[in-house]
Amino acid sequence: MKLLVTGILALTILNPWAATVQAAASTSATVQVRAVIRPWIKFSANQPVSSYRVTSADIRRGYIDFPQALTLSVQTNIRDAIRFEISSGGPERILVQDGGTELTDAVRVEGQHPAVPVTRVLDMRVVLPEGTREGTYPLLIAMAPIAY
């Protein structure tokens, strides 16, 4: 009986060791990994024009153009296009132009490698509201990123 108990104890102790030796001898294994990467966006805008002067010629024309008035820099891990809607904090309407594109109230930026910022220098048009008078006005610009 003592020999039987000793044999059972020896098998119980050596059984995990035998499984470990068998697993170590295996040459391949299948591992499944699941990762969730949260989308992120980091952007900044440099607006050197903080106010504008309206003349009678500007009022007749209805707008004032500012070449290279806004620099947008974007870093993101989103590979799809991101639309940056641009608006004014005042009564005027802000339109931008990216290179040779048409004037619009938004800029479209394609995502790239997250470590590489995308920089755009934008021309800006301030569309004057009805009833604008000659004088100096503050220029407040708001931007909101919207992923497609």
C-alpha atoms as a PDB file:
ATOM      1  CA  MET A   1       0.000   0.000   0.000  1.00  0.00           C
ATOM      2  CA  LYS A   2       2.854   2.322   0.886  1.00  0.00           C
ATOM      3  CA  LEU A   3       4.401   1.661  -2.540  1.00  0.00           C
ATOM      4  CA  LEU A   4       1.097   2.462  -4.288  1.00  0.00           C
ATOM      5  CA  VAL A   5       0.726   5.797  -2.449  1.00  0.00           C
ATOM      6  CA  THR A   6       4.351   6.676  -3.266  1.00  0.00           C
ATOM      7  CA  GLY A   7       3.761   5.830  -6.948  1.00  0.00           C
ATOM      8  CA  ILE A   8       0.621   7.982  -7.118  1.00  0.00           C
ATOM      9  CA  LEU A   9       2.441  10.882  -5.435  1.00  0.00           C
ATOM     10  CA  ALA A  10       5.359  10.540  -7.868  1.00  0.00           C
ATOM     11  CA  LEU A  11       2.970  10.619 -10.877  1.00  0.00           C
ATOM     12  CA  THR A  12       1.145  13.634  -9.461  1.00  0.00           C
ATOM     13  CA  ILE A  13       4.394  15.531  -8.922  1.00  0.00           C
ATOM     14  CA  LEU A  14       5.971  14.557 -12.265  1.00  0.00           C
ATOM     15  CA  ASN A  15       2.825  15.021 -14.395  1.00  0.00           C
ATOM     16  CA  PRO A  16       3.113  18.877 -14.659  1.00  0.00           C
ATOM     17  CA  TRP A  17       6.841  18.477 -15.393  1.00  0.00           C
ATOM     18  CA  ALA A  18       6.071  16.021 -18.212  1.00  0.00           C
ATOM     19  CA  ALA A  19       3.583  18.488 -19.747  1.00  0.00           C
ATOM     20  CA  THR A  20       6.165  21.274 -19.549  1.00  0.00           C
ATOM     21  CA  VAL A  21       8.804  19.129 -21.251  1.00  0.00           C
ATOM     22  CA  GLN A  22       6.320  18.214 -23.994  1.00  0.00           C
ATOM     23  CA  ALA A  23       5.337  21.893 -24.556  1.00  0.00           C
ATOM     24  CA  ALA A  24       8.986  22.982 -24.658  1.00  0.00           C
ATOM     25  CA  ALA A  25       9.667  20.410 -27.352  1.00  0.00           C
ATOM     26  CA  SER A  26       6.969  21.915 -29.597  1.00  0.00           C
ATOM     27  CA  THR A  27       8.356  24.033 -32.466  1.00  0.00           C
ATOM     28  CA  SER A  28       5.374  26.333 -33.090  1.00  0.00           C
ATOM     29  CA  ALA A  29       2.441  27.854 -31.322  1.00  0.00           C
ATOM     30  CA  THR A  30      -0.548  29.920 -32.344  1.00  0.00           C
ATOM     31  CA  VAL A  31      -1.126  33.166 -30.472  1.00  0.00           C
ATOM     32  CA  GLN A  32      -4.029  35.509 -31.106  1.00  0.00           C
ATOM     33  CA  VAL A  33      -3.693  39.152 -30.094  1.00  0.00           C
ATOM     34  CA  ARG A  34      -6.379  41.803 -30.270  1.00  0.00           C
ATOM     35  CA  ALA A  35      -5.560  45.476 -29.883  1.00  0.00           C
ATOM     36  CA  VAL A  36      -7.765  48.518 -29.987  1.00  0.00           C
ATOM     37  CA  ILE A  37      -6.069  51.734 -31.055  1.00  0.00           C
ATOM     38  CA  ARG A  38      -8.041  54.810 -30.147  1.00  0.00           C
ATOM     39  CA  PRO A  39      -8.144  57.565 -32.772  1.00  0.00           C
ATOM     40  CA  TRP A  40      -6.461  60.822 -31.818  1.00  0.00           C
ATOM     41  CA  ILE A  41      -5.845  64.179 -33.415  1.00  0.00           C
ATOM     42  CA  LYS A  42      -3.568  67.037 -32.477  1.00  0.00           C
ATOM     43  CA  PHE A  43      -3.763  70.293 -34.372  1.00  0.00           C
ATOM     44  CA  SER A  44      -2.721  73.894 -34.091  1.00  0.00           C
ATOM     45  CA  ALA A  45      -3.447  77.000 -36.074  1.00  0.00           C
ATOM     46  CA  ASN A  46      -1.289  80.067 -36.349  1.00  0.00           C
ATOM     47  CA  GLN A  47      -3.234  83.208 -37.207  1.00  0.00           C
ATOM     48  CA  PRO A  48      -0.949  86.252 -37.424  1.00  0.00           C
ATOM     49  CA  VAL A  49      -3.866  88.515 -38.430  1.00  0.00           C
ATOM     50  CA  SER A  50      -5.852  89.316 -35.271  1.00  0.00           C
ATOM     51  CA  SER A  51      -7.730  92.340 -36.600  1.00  0.00           C
ATOM     52  CA  TYR A  52      -8.520  93.925 -39.947  1.00  0.00           C
ATOM     53  CA  ARG A  53      -9.192  97.416 -41.228  1.00  0.00           C
ATOM     54  CA  VAL A  54     -12.213  97.959 -43.494  1.00  0.00           C
ATOM     55  CA  THR A  55     -12.061 100.705 -46.138  1.00  0.00           C
ATOM     56  CA  SER A  56     -14.778 102.040 -48.438  1.00  0.00           C
ATOM     57  CA  ALA A  57     -13.257  99.986 -51.297  1.00  0.00           C
ATOM     58  CA  ASP A  58     -13.557  96.829 -49.153  1.00  0.00           C
ATOM     59  CA  ILE A  59     -17.213  97.644 -48.425  1.00  0.00           C
ATOM     60  CA  ARG A  60     -17.962  98.074 -52.159  1.00  0.00           C
ATOM     61  CA  ARG A  61     -16.199  94.789 -52.949  1.00  0.00           C
ATOM     62  CA  GLY A  62     -17.853  93.013 -49.999  1.00  0.00           C
ATOM     63  CA  TYR A  63     -14.763  91.196 -48.764  1.00  0.00           C
ATOM     64  CA  ILE A  64     -11.086  91.458 -47.814  1.00  0.00           C
ATOM     65  CA  ASP A  65      -8.477  88.891 -48.873  1.00  0.00           C
ATOM     66  CA  PHE A  66      -5.525  87.934 -46.670  1.00  0.00           C
ATOM     67  CA  PRO A  67      -2.916  85.790 -48.444  1.00  0.00           C
ATOM     68  CA  GLN A  68      -1.227  83.142 -46.301  1.00  0.00           C
ATOM     69  CA  ALA A  69      -3.140  84.296 -43.244  1.00  0.00           C
ATOM     70  CA  LEU A  70      -3.606  80.959 -41.496  1.00  0.00           C
ATOM     71  CA  THR A  71      -1.211  78.039 -40.963  1.00  0.00           C
ATOM     72  CA  LEU A  72      -2.774  74.734 -39.931  1.00  0.00           C
ATOM     73  CA  SER A  73      -0.652  71.875 -38.588  1.00  0.00           C
ATOM     74  CA  VAL A  74      -2.208  68.435 -37.992  1.00  0.00           C
ATOM     75  CA  GLN A  75      -0.941  65.174 -36.496  1.00  0.00           C
ATOM     76  CA  THR A  76      -3.262  62.188 -36.257  1.00  0.00           C
ATOM     77  CA  ASN A  77      -3.456  58.426 -36.429  1.00  0.00           C
ATOM     78  CA  ILE A  78      -6.690  58.714 -38.443  1.00  0.00           C
ATOM     79  CA  ARG A  79      -5.906  57.672 -42.011  1.00  0.00           C
ATOM     80  CA  ASP A  80      -9.157  58.969 -43.485  1.00  0.00           C
ATOM     81  CA  ALA A  81      -9.784  62.572 -44.415  1.00  0.00           C
ATOM     82  CA  ILE A  82     -10.494  65.072 -41.654  1.00  0.00           C
ATOM     83  CA  ARG A  83     -12.539  68.166 -42.352  1.00  0.00           C
ATOM     84  CA  PHE A  84     -11.669  71.298 -40.388  1.00  0.00           C
ATOM     85  CA  GLU A  85     -14.660  73.608 -40.336  1.00  0.00           C
ATOM     86  CA  ILE A  86     -13.690  77.249 -39.971  1.00  0.00           C
ATOM     87  CA  SER A  87     -15.963  79.932 -38.591  1.00  0.00           C
ATOM     88  CA  SER A  88     -15.769  83.438 -37.228  1.00  0.00           C
ATOM     89  CA  GLY A  89     -16.422  84.593 -33.714  1.00  0.00           C
ATOM     90  CA  GLY A  90     -17.953  87.759 -35.168  1.00  0.00           C
ATOM     91  CA  PRO A  91     -20.539  88.725 -37.785  1.00  0.00           C
ATOM     92  CA  GLU A  92     -18.227  88.237 -40.764  1.00  0.00           C
ATOM     93  CA  ARG A  93     -17.933  84.985 -42.697  1.00  0.00           C
ATOM     94  CA  ILE A  94     -14.527  83.330 -43.050  1.00  0.00           C
ATOM     95  CA  LEU A  95     -13.556  81.440 -46.207  1.00  0.00           C
ATOM     96  CA  VAL A  96     -10.200  79.783 -46.809  1.00  0.00           C
ATOM     97  CA  GLN A  97      -8.324  78.596 -49.838  1.00  0.00           C
ATOM     98  CA  ASP A  98      -5.767  75.795 -49.771  1.00  0.00           C
ATOM     99  CA  GLY A  99      -3.382  76.358 -52.692  1.00  0.00           C
ATOM    100  CA  GLY A 100      -5.346  76.542 -55.931  1.00  0.00           C
ATOM    101  CA  THR A 101      -8.565  75.142 -54.521  1.00  0.00           C
ATOM    102  CA  GLU A 102     -11.806  77.089 -54.372  1.00  0.00           C
ATOM    103  CA  LEU A 103     -12.781  79.246 -51.416  1.00  0.00           C
ATOM    104  CA  THR A 104     -14.670  77.279 -48.789  1.00  0.00           C
ATOM    105  CA  ASP A 105     -15.524  77.314 -45.098  1.00  0.00           C
ATOM    106  CA  ALA A 106     -13.526  74.133 -44.441  1.00  0.00           C
ATOM    107  CA  VAL A 107     -10.159  72.494 -45.096  1.00  0.00           C
ATOM    108  CA  ARG A 108      -9.792  68.809 -45.856  1.00  0.00           C
ATOM    109  CA  VAL A 109      -6.647  67.086 -44.573  1.00  0.00           C
ATOM    110  CA  GLU A 110      -5.707  63.503 -45.378  1.00  0.00           C
ATOM    111  CA  GLY A 111      -4.212  61.554 -42.480  1.00  0.00           C
ATOM    112  CA  GLN A 112      -0.627  60.382 -42.806  1.00  0.00           C
ATOM    113  CA  HIS A 113       1.870  58.702 -40.512  1.00  0.00           C
ATOM    114  CA  PRO A 114       1.192  59.931 -36.947  1.00  0.00           C
ATOM    115  CA  ALA A 115       4.794  61.065 -36.490  1.00  0.00           C
ATOM    116  CA  VAL A 116       4.639  63.313 -39.575  1.00  0.00           C
ATOM    117  CA  PRO A 117       2.666  66.547 -39.180  1.00  0.00           C
ATOM    118  CA  VAL A 118       0.674  67.827 -42.154  1.00  0.00           C
ATOM    119  CA  THR A 119       1.021  71.591 -42.532  1.00  0.00           C
ATOM    120  CA  ARG A 120      -1.147  73.803 -44.727  1.00  0.00           C
ATOM    121  CA  VAL A 121      -0.741  77.519 -45.346  1.00  0.00           C
ATOM    122  CA  LEU A 122      -4.154  78.960 -46.176  1.00  0.00           C
ATOM    123  CA  ASP A 123      -5.307  82.129 -47.863  1.00  0.00           C
ATOM    124  CA  MET A 124      -8.249  83.696 -46.090  1.00  0.00           C
ATOM    125  CA  ARG A 125     -11.179  85.818 -47.214  1.00  0.00           C
ATOM    126  CA  VAL A 126     -13.267  87.804 -44.761  1.00  0.00           C
ATOM    127  CA  VAL A 127     -16.739  88.273 -46.226  1.00  0.00           C
ATOM    128  CA  LEU A 128     -18.161  91.462 -44.766  1.00  0.00           C
ATOM    129  CA  PRO A 129     -21.698  91.378 -43.375  1.00  0.00           C
ATOM    130  CA  GLU A 130     -24.357  93.763 -44.626  1.00  0.00           C
ATOM    131  CA  GLY A 131     -24.080  97.152 -42.955  1.00  0.00           C
ATOM    132  CA  THR A 132     -20.329  97.008 -42.279  1.00  0.00           C
ATOM    133  CA  ARG A 133     -18.766 100.428 -41.798  1.00  0.00           C
ATOM    134  CA  GLU A 134     -15.214 101.634 -42.191  1.00  0.00           C
ATOM    135  CA  GLY A 135     -13.041 100.884 -39.172  1.00  0.00           C
ATOM    136  CA  THR A 136     -10.935  98.259 -37.459  1.00  0.00           C
ATOM    137  CA  TYR A 137     -12.509  94.969 -36.373  1.00  0.00           C
ATOM    138  CA  PRO A 138     -11.203  92.021 -34.312  1.00  0.00           C
ATOM    139  CA  LEU A 139     -10.762  88.746 -36.162  1.00  0.00           C
ATOM    140  CA  LEU A 140     -11.617  85.669 -34.121  1.00  0.00           C
ATOM    141  CA  ILE A 141     -11.412  82.311 -35.876  1.00  0.00           C
ATOM    142  CA  ALA A 142     -12.736  78.986 -34.582  1.00  0.00           C
ATOM    143  CA  MET A 143     -11.835  75.573 -36.028  1.00  0.00           C
ATOM    144  CA  ALA A 144     -13.500  72.221 -35.416  1.00  0.00           C
ATOM    145  CA  PRO A 145     -12.139  68.895 -36.752  1.00  0.00           C
ATOM    146  CA  ILE A 146     -14.699  66.428 -38.084  1.00  0.00           C
ATOM    147  CA  ALA A 147     -13.537  62.960 -39.182  1.00  0.00           C
ATOM    148  CA  TYR A 148     -15.398  61.478 -42.143  1.00  0.00           C
END
